[in-house]
N, C-alpha and C. Protein backbone atom coordinates (compact mmCIF):
# COMPACT_ATOMS: atom_id res chain seq x y z
N MET A 1 -5.58 -2.03 -15.33
CA MET A 1 -5.18 -3.28 -14.72
C MET A 1 -6.74 -3.51 -13.97
N LYS A 2 -6.54 -4.86 -14.20
CA LYS A 2 -7.44 -5.74 -13.67
C LYS A 2 -7.16 -7.14 -13.03
N ILE A 3 -7.67 -7.23 -11.17
CA ILE A 3 -7.43 -8.71 -10.54
C ILE A 3 -7.92 -9.25 -10.98
N THR A 4 -8.02 -11.27 -10.79
CA THR A 4 -9.05 -11.95 -11.04
C THR A 4 -9.16 -12.44 -9.79
N LEU A 5 -9.70 -13.06 -8.98
CA LEU A 5 -9.23 -13.82 -8.59
C LEU A 5 -9.77 -15.59 -8.89
N LEU A 6 -8.43 -16.47 -9.28
CA LEU A 6 -9.09 -17.26 -10.31
C LEU A 6 -9.87 -18.29 -9.05
N THR A 7 -8.31 -18.48 -7.88
CA THR A 7 -9.11 -19.76 -7.39
C THR A 7 -8.39 -19.28 -5.67
N GLU A 8 -8.17 -19.62 -4.53
CA GLU A 8 -8.78 -19.51 -3.59
C GLU A 8 -6.95 -19.54 -3.36
N GLU A 9 -6.17 -19.82 -4.60
CA GLU A 9 -5.04 -19.47 -4.31
C GLU A 9 -4.20 -19.68 -4.91
N SER A 10 -4.58 -18.18 -5.81
CA SER A 10 -4.37 -17.75 -7.19
C SER A 10 -4.70 -15.90 -7.94
N ILE A 11 -3.88 -15.67 -8.32
CA ILE A 11 -4.33 -14.26 -8.54
C ILE A 11 -3.89 -14.41 -10.26
N ARG A 12 -4.84 -13.17 -11.08
CA ARG A 12 -3.95 -13.27 -12.47
C ARG A 12 -4.14 -11.59 -12.47
N LEU A 13 -2.81 -10.83 -12.48
CA LEU A 13 -3.40 -10.01 -13.24
C LEU A 13 -2.62 -9.28 -14.50
N ASP A 14 -4.45 -8.08 -15.15
CA ASP A 14 -3.87 -8.22 -16.39
C ASP A 14 -3.55 -6.72 -16.95
N GLY A 15 -2.23 -6.38 -17.40
CA GLY A 15 -2.23 -4.55 -17.27
C GLY A 15 -2.85 -3.35 -18.18
N LEU A 16 -4.60 -4.44 -18.38
CA LEU A 16 -5.06 -2.77 -19.12
C LEU A 16 -5.21 -1.75 -18.57
N GLY A 17 -5.85 -0.38 -19.38
CA GLY A 17 -5.50 0.83 -19.30
C GLY A 17 -7.04 0.61 -18.11
N GLY A 18 -6.71 1.85 -17.20
CA GLY A 18 -7.70 2.77 -16.24
C GLY A 18 -8.03 2.04 -15.15
N PRO A 19 -8.52 2.07 -14.05
CA PRO A 19 -8.14 2.01 -12.74
C PRO A 19 -7.97 0.98 -12.81
N LEU A 20 -7.20 -0.09 -11.13
CA LEU A 20 -7.65 -0.75 -10.93
C LEU A 20 -9.01 -1.82 -10.45
N THR A 21 -9.47 -2.32 -10.94
CA THR A 21 -10.30 -3.70 -10.62
C THR A 21 -9.89 -4.72 -10.34
N ILE A 22 -10.54 -5.41 -9.51
CA ILE A 22 -10.61 -6.77 -8.96
C ILE A 22 -11.65 -6.96 -9.18
N GLU A 23 -11.96 -8.76 -9.47
CA GLU A 23 -12.82 -9.48 -9.88
C GLU A 23 -12.54 -10.57 -9.96
N ALA A 24 -13.82 -11.99 -9.66
CA ALA A 24 -14.08 -12.65 -8.80
C ALA A 24 -14.11 -13.37 -9.93
N GLU A 25 -14.24 -15.02 -10.09
CA GLU A 25 -14.07 -16.24 -11.07
C GLU A 25 -16.29 -16.27 -10.31
N SER A 26 -16.07 -16.62 -9.48
CA SER A 26 -17.45 -17.30 -8.90
C SER A 26 -17.69 -16.20 -7.68
N ALA A 27 -19.61 -16.12 -7.86
CA ALA A 27 -19.64 -14.78 -6.27
C ALA A 27 -19.25 -15.37 -5.17
N GLU A 28 -18.90 -16.35 -4.82
CA GLU A 28 -17.99 -17.05 -3.31
C GLU A 28 -17.49 -16.53 -3.06
N GLN A 29 -16.00 -15.98 -4.10
CA GLN A 29 -15.07 -15.92 -3.39
C GLN A 29 -14.82 -14.55 -2.82
N SER A 30 -13.83 -14.25 -1.77
CA SER A 30 -14.04 -13.32 -1.17
C SER A 30 -12.21 -13.19 -1.30
N TYR A 31 -11.61 -11.58 -1.76
CA TYR A 31 -10.56 -11.26 -1.17
C TYR A 31 -9.95 -10.58 -0.38
N SER A 32 -9.35 -12.21 -0.03
CA SER A 32 -7.97 -12.29 1.24
C SER A 32 -7.22 -11.83 1.06
N PRO A 33 -6.93 -11.64 2.65
CA PRO A 33 -5.13 -11.11 2.98
C PRO A 33 -4.67 -11.95 2.15
N PHE A 34 -4.05 -13.10 1.85
CA PHE A 34 -3.32 -13.75 1.05
C PHE A 34 -3.69 -13.31 -0.72
N HIS A 35 -4.68 -13.36 -1.15
CA HIS A 35 -4.78 -12.35 -2.94
C HIS A 35 -4.54 -11.09 -2.76
N MET A 36 -4.31 -10.63 -1.44
CA MET A 36 -4.00 -8.92 -1.29
C MET A 36 -2.34 -9.55 -1.42
N LEU A 37 -1.51 -10.59 -0.44
CA LEU A 37 -0.30 -9.82 -0.30
C LEU A 37 0.09 -10.87 -1.88
N ALA A 38 -0.40 -11.51 -2.64
CA ALA A 38 -0.16 -11.88 -3.85
C ALA A 38 -0.26 -10.57 -5.28
N SER A 39 -1.04 -9.96 -5.28
CA SER A 39 -1.52 -8.93 -5.59
C SER A 39 -1.05 -7.64 -5.43
N SER A 40 0.38 -7.60 -4.22
CA SER A 40 1.13 -6.51 -3.96
C SER A 40 2.42 -7.01 -5.82
N LEU A 41 3.04 -8.01 -5.03
CA LEU A 41 3.42 -8.80 -6.04
C LEU A 41 3.38 -8.84 -7.65
N ALA A 42 2.59 -9.34 -7.31
CA ALA A 42 1.65 -8.72 -8.91
C ALA A 42 2.57 -7.37 -9.24
N VAL A 43 1.07 -6.69 -8.89
CA VAL A 43 1.13 -5.48 -9.26
C VAL A 43 2.61 -4.63 -9.54
N CYS A 44 3.64 -4.64 -8.02
CA CYS A 44 4.77 -4.64 -7.84
C CYS A 44 5.67 -5.06 -9.94
N THR A 45 5.77 -6.27 -9.70
CA THR A 45 6.68 -6.87 -11.23
C THR A 45 5.95 -6.26 -12.47
N HIS A 46 4.52 -5.80 -12.51
CA HIS A 46 3.91 -5.35 -13.15
C HIS A 46 4.57 -4.04 -13.91
N SER A 47 4.96 -3.27 -12.46
CA SER A 47 5.47 -1.49 -12.76
C SER A 47 6.83 -2.25 -13.15
N VAL A 48 7.63 -2.97 -12.81
CA VAL A 48 9.00 -2.81 -12.81
C VAL A 48 9.40 -2.92 -14.01
N LEU A 49 8.33 -4.10 -15.40
CA LEU A 49 8.55 -4.67 -16.14
C LEU A 49 8.02 -3.59 -16.88
N MET A 50 6.71 -2.40 -16.73
CA MET A 50 6.34 -1.80 -17.92
C MET A 50 7.47 -0.40 -17.90
N SER A 51 8.29 -0.93 -16.68
CA SER A 51 9.37 0.36 -16.80
C SER A 51 10.00 0.33 -17.67
N TRP A 52 10.81 -0.98 -17.43
CA TRP A 52 11.82 -1.86 -18.52
C TRP A 52 11.59 -1.10 -19.73
N ALA A 53 9.98 -1.84 -20.16
CA ALA A 53 9.48 -2.14 -21.59
C ALA A 53 9.32 -0.92 -22.21
N THR A 54 9.32 0.07 -21.22
CA THR A 54 9.21 1.30 -22.30
C THR A 54 10.61 2.16 -22.33
N ASN A 55 11.15 1.70 -21.67
CA ASN A 55 12.69 1.95 -21.96
C ASN A 55 13.47 1.12 -23.05
N ALA A 56 13.29 0.33 -23.37
CA ALA A 56 13.66 -0.58 -23.98
C ALA A 56 12.29 -1.12 -25.09
N HIS A 57 11.73 -0.50 -25.75
CA HIS A 57 10.77 -0.04 -27.00
C HIS A 57 10.53 -1.33 -27.49
N ILE A 58 9.13 -2.05 -26.53
CA ILE A 58 9.12 -3.03 -26.04
C ILE A 58 7.62 -2.93 -26.35
N HIS A 59 6.85 -3.44 -26.51
CA HIS A 59 4.86 -2.99 -26.45
C HIS A 59 5.04 -3.94 -25.10
N ALA A 60 4.20 -4.16 -24.28
CA ALA A 60 3.65 -4.25 -22.96
C ALA A 60 2.36 -4.70 -23.13
N ASP A 61 1.35 -4.32 -23.39
CA ASP A 61 -0.06 -4.06 -23.89
C ASP A 61 -0.34 -5.07 -23.02
N ASP A 62 -0.12 -6.58 -24.12
CA ASP A 62 -0.41 -7.79 -23.73
C ASP A 62 -0.07 -8.45 -22.09
N LEU A 63 0.79 -7.93 -21.53
CA LEU A 63 1.73 -8.28 -20.42
C LEU A 63 0.66 -8.69 -19.17
N ALA A 64 0.45 -10.46 -18.82
CA ALA A 64 0.07 -10.67 -17.48
C ALA A 64 0.84 -11.56 -17.21
N ILE A 65 0.16 -11.47 -15.65
CA ILE A 65 1.44 -12.26 -14.47
C ILE A 65 -0.06 -12.75 -13.67
N GLU A 66 0.71 -13.78 -13.54
CA GLU A 66 -0.50 -14.93 -12.25
C GLU A 66 0.47 -14.95 -11.17
N VAL A 67 0.00 -15.16 -10.10
CA VAL A 67 1.33 -15.64 -8.87
C VAL A 67 -0.63 -16.37 -8.31
N SER A 68 0.57 -17.85 -7.43
CA SER A 68 0.48 -18.46 -6.83
C SER A 68 0.80 -19.05 -5.87
N TRP A 69 0.16 -19.49 -5.13
CA TRP A 69 0.54 -19.81 -3.74
C TRP A 69 0.64 -21.14 -3.00
N SER A 70 1.25 -21.58 -2.13
CA SER A 70 0.64 -22.65 -1.17
C SER A 70 0.88 -22.63 0.44
N PHE A 71 0.23 -22.92 0.86
CA PHE A 71 0.43 -23.14 2.40
C PHE A 71 1.70 -24.27 2.71
N ALA A 72 2.66 -23.25 3.64
CA ALA A 72 3.29 -24.72 5.41
C ALA A 72 2.19 -25.08 6.12
N GLU A 73 2.71 -25.95 6.65
CA GLU A 73 1.83 -26.73 7.78
C GLU A 73 1.61 -25.74 9.10
N LYS A 74 2.97 -25.37 8.98
CA LYS A 74 3.99 -24.82 10.98
C LYS A 74 5.07 -23.95 10.26
N PRO A 75 4.47 -22.75 11.30
CA PRO A 75 3.97 -22.51 11.30
C PRO A 75 2.74 -22.56 9.90
N HIS A 76 1.46 -22.45 10.29
CA HIS A 76 0.48 -21.97 9.45
C HIS A 76 0.50 -20.46 8.56
N ARG A 77 1.10 -20.48 7.50
CA ARG A 77 1.66 -19.37 6.32
C ARG A 77 1.40 -19.35 5.14
N VAL A 78 2.16 -18.66 4.48
CA VAL A 78 2.13 -18.83 3.50
C VAL A 78 3.77 -19.87 3.25
N GLY A 79 4.17 -20.88 2.61
CA GLY A 79 4.86 -21.26 2.05
C GLY A 79 5.72 -20.90 0.86
N ASP A 80 5.41 -21.12 -0.05
CA ASP A 80 5.43 -21.03 -1.46
C ASP A 80 4.83 -20.19 -2.05
N MET A 81 5.62 -19.68 -2.94
CA MET A 81 4.93 -18.89 -4.27
C MET A 81 5.56 -19.14 -5.49
N LYS A 82 4.40 -18.73 -6.32
CA LYS A 82 4.84 -18.79 -7.64
C LYS A 82 4.29 -17.31 -8.63
N LEU A 83 5.16 -16.67 -10.00
CA LEU A 83 5.02 -15.90 -9.94
C LEU A 83 5.25 -16.13 -11.10
N THR A 84 5.04 -16.00 -12.83
CA THR A 84 4.44 -16.40 -13.99
C THR A 84 4.09 -15.35 -14.94
N PHE A 85 4.71 -14.45 -15.81
CA PHE A 85 3.91 -14.07 -16.86
C PHE A 85 3.93 -14.28 -18.37
N GLU A 86 3.06 -13.73 -18.61
CA GLU A 86 2.43 -14.08 -20.28
C GLU A 86 3.18 -12.82 -20.82
N TRP A 87 3.66 -12.85 -22.06
CA TRP A 87 3.60 -11.85 -22.49
C TRP A 87 4.06 -11.57 -24.09
N PRO A 88 3.37 -11.84 -24.67
CA PRO A 88 3.55 -12.70 -26.13
C PRO A 88 4.51 -11.63 -27.40
N ALA A 89 4.10 -10.39 -26.39
CA ALA A 89 4.94 -9.06 -27.89
C ALA A 89 6.07 -9.06 -27.15
N LEU A 90 6.79 -10.22 -26.23
CA LEU A 90 8.02 -10.15 -26.03
C LEU A 90 9.10 -10.50 -26.40
N PRO A 91 10.02 -9.97 -27.68
CA PRO A 91 10.92 -10.91 -28.10
C PRO A 91 12.20 -12.14 -27.51
N LYS A 92 11.60 -12.97 -28.03
CA LYS A 92 12.22 -14.51 -27.41
C LYS A 92 13.58 -14.67 -26.74
N GLU A 93 14.35 -13.47 -27.48
CA GLU A 93 15.64 -13.36 -26.86
C GLU A 93 15.81 -12.63 -25.49
N ARG A 94 14.99 -11.67 -25.54
CA ARG A 94 15.25 -10.65 -23.94
C ARG A 94 14.10 -11.54 -23.07
N LEU A 95 13.58 -12.76 -23.20
CA LEU A 95 13.07 -13.37 -21.76
C LEU A 95 13.37 -13.52 -20.70
N GLU A 96 15.13 -14.08 -20.97
CA GLU A 96 15.88 -14.23 -19.16
C GLU A 96 16.11 -12.02 -18.70
N THR A 97 16.22 -11.80 -19.64
CA THR A 97 16.60 -10.15 -18.66
C THR A 97 15.18 -9.61 -17.90
N ALA A 98 14.30 -10.26 -19.40
CA ALA A 98 13.68 -9.93 -18.42
C ALA A 98 12.62 -10.72 -17.15
N LYS A 99 13.22 -11.42 -16.94
CA LYS A 99 12.68 -12.34 -15.94
C LYS A 99 14.01 -12.08 -14.62
N ARG A 100 15.11 -11.29 -14.95
CA ARG A 100 16.21 -10.67 -14.10
C ARG A 100 15.35 -9.54 -13.43
N VAL A 101 15.09 -8.50 -14.83
CA VAL A 101 13.72 -7.32 -14.55
C VAL A 101 12.74 -7.60 -13.48
N ALA A 102 12.54 -8.61 -14.01
CA ALA A 102 10.99 -8.98 -12.65
C ALA A 102 11.80 -9.92 -10.81
N ALA A 103 12.25 -9.10 -10.94
CA ALA A 103 13.09 -10.06 -10.03
C ALA A 103 13.67 -8.51 -9.16
N LEU A 104 13.21 -7.46 -10.08
CA LEU A 104 14.02 -6.18 -8.73
C LEU A 104 12.37 -5.66 -8.44
N CYS A 105 11.92 -5.91 -8.22
CA CYS A 105 10.43 -5.43 -7.94
C CYS A 105 10.99 -5.96 -6.13
N THR A 106 10.33 -4.44 -5.64
CA THR A 106 10.82 -4.56 -3.80
C THR A 106 10.10 -4.94 -3.18
N VAL A 107 8.98 -6.20 -4.22
CA VAL A 107 8.56 -6.10 -2.46
C VAL A 107 8.82 -8.31 -2.85
N HIS A 108 9.22 -8.26 -4.25
CA HIS A 108 10.32 -9.49 -4.75
C HIS A 108 10.65 -9.59 -3.53
N ALA A 109 11.84 -8.90 -3.61
CA ALA A 109 13.07 -8.06 -2.72
C ALA A 109 13.11 -8.36 -1.22
N THR A 110 11.06 -7.93 -0.87
CA THR A 110 11.22 -7.81 0.63
C THR A 110 10.45 -8.97 1.22
N LEU A 111 9.95 -10.41 0.18
CA LEU A 111 9.88 -11.59 0.97
C LEU A 111 10.43 -12.84 0.77
N GLN A 112 11.96 -12.44 0.34
CA GLN A 112 12.50 -13.24 0.10
C GLN A 112 13.19 -12.33 1.22
N HIS A 113 13.36 -11.04 1.60
CA HIS A 113 14.27 -11.48 2.92
C HIS A 113 13.09 -10.26 3.91
N ALA A 114 12.56 -11.65 4.32
CA ALA A 114 11.62 -11.03 5.27
C ALA A 114 11.84 -10.23 6.71
N PRO A 115 10.92 -8.57 6.64
CA PRO A 115 11.83 -7.36 7.61
C PRO A 115 10.82 -8.39 8.81
N THR A 116 11.70 -7.28 9.65
CA THR A 116 11.23 -7.58 11.33
C THR A 116 9.57 -6.62 11.06
N ILE A 117 9.17 -7.80 12.05
CA ILE A 117 8.03 -7.23 12.34
C ILE A 117 7.75 -7.43 13.76
N SER A 118 7.70 -5.44 14.44
CA SER A 118 6.68 -5.71 15.47
C SER A 118 5.64 -5.56 15.83
N ILE A 119 4.65 -5.98 17.01
CA ILE A 119 3.16 -5.70 17.01
C ILE A 119 3.18 -4.84 18.62
N GLU A 120 1.78 -3.87 17.77
CA GLU A 120 1.97 -2.98 19.57
C GLU A 120 0.56 -2.59 19.58
N GLY A 121 0.24 -3.13 20.75
CA GLY A 121 -1.38 -2.71 21.25
C GLY A 121 -1.39 -1.37 21.81
N ARG A 122 -2.34 -0.59 21.98
CA ARG A 122 -3.14 0.71 22.31
C ARG A 122 -4.62 0.29 22.81
N SER A 123 -4.61 0.88 24.17
CA SER A 123 -6.66 0.52 24.69
C SER A 123 -6.63 2.02 25.70
N GLN A 124 -7.64 2.24 25.63
CA GLN A 124 -7.99 3.19 25.90
C GLN A 124 -7.88 3.93 27.86
C-alpha cells in the first residue's frame, strides 16, 4: 500500500501489495498531521472496500483513493474533506453500492459524529 502526498491538502492511496510506504511528490513536502488524518480515512475506506470486493468476487487490485481537504477559518481546523475512489474494474452497476460500503468506514463515522476529546496534563 502506498500513500502519496499530492499537495499540502491532498493524498492518494494506491492499494499495492506489500508494506505501507509514504512518498512525497517533492522533497519540500512533509507528512503533516492533516496528511495523517486523511491517510486514516483513506486506509479505513480501502480496507472496507477490499473486504466487500473479496466477498462480492470483484477484482480490486486497481482501487485507488484520493482524499483532499480545505481549512475553516475560525477556529482554524479542517472544514471539509472529499474522498474520491477510482476503481476501473468495478462494474458500473455496483458503483452506488460501493459508495454506500465506503461510508461504513469507522473513521468516516467518527468524523461524521465527532468524539468528545479530553485533555489531561502531567508533570513531574
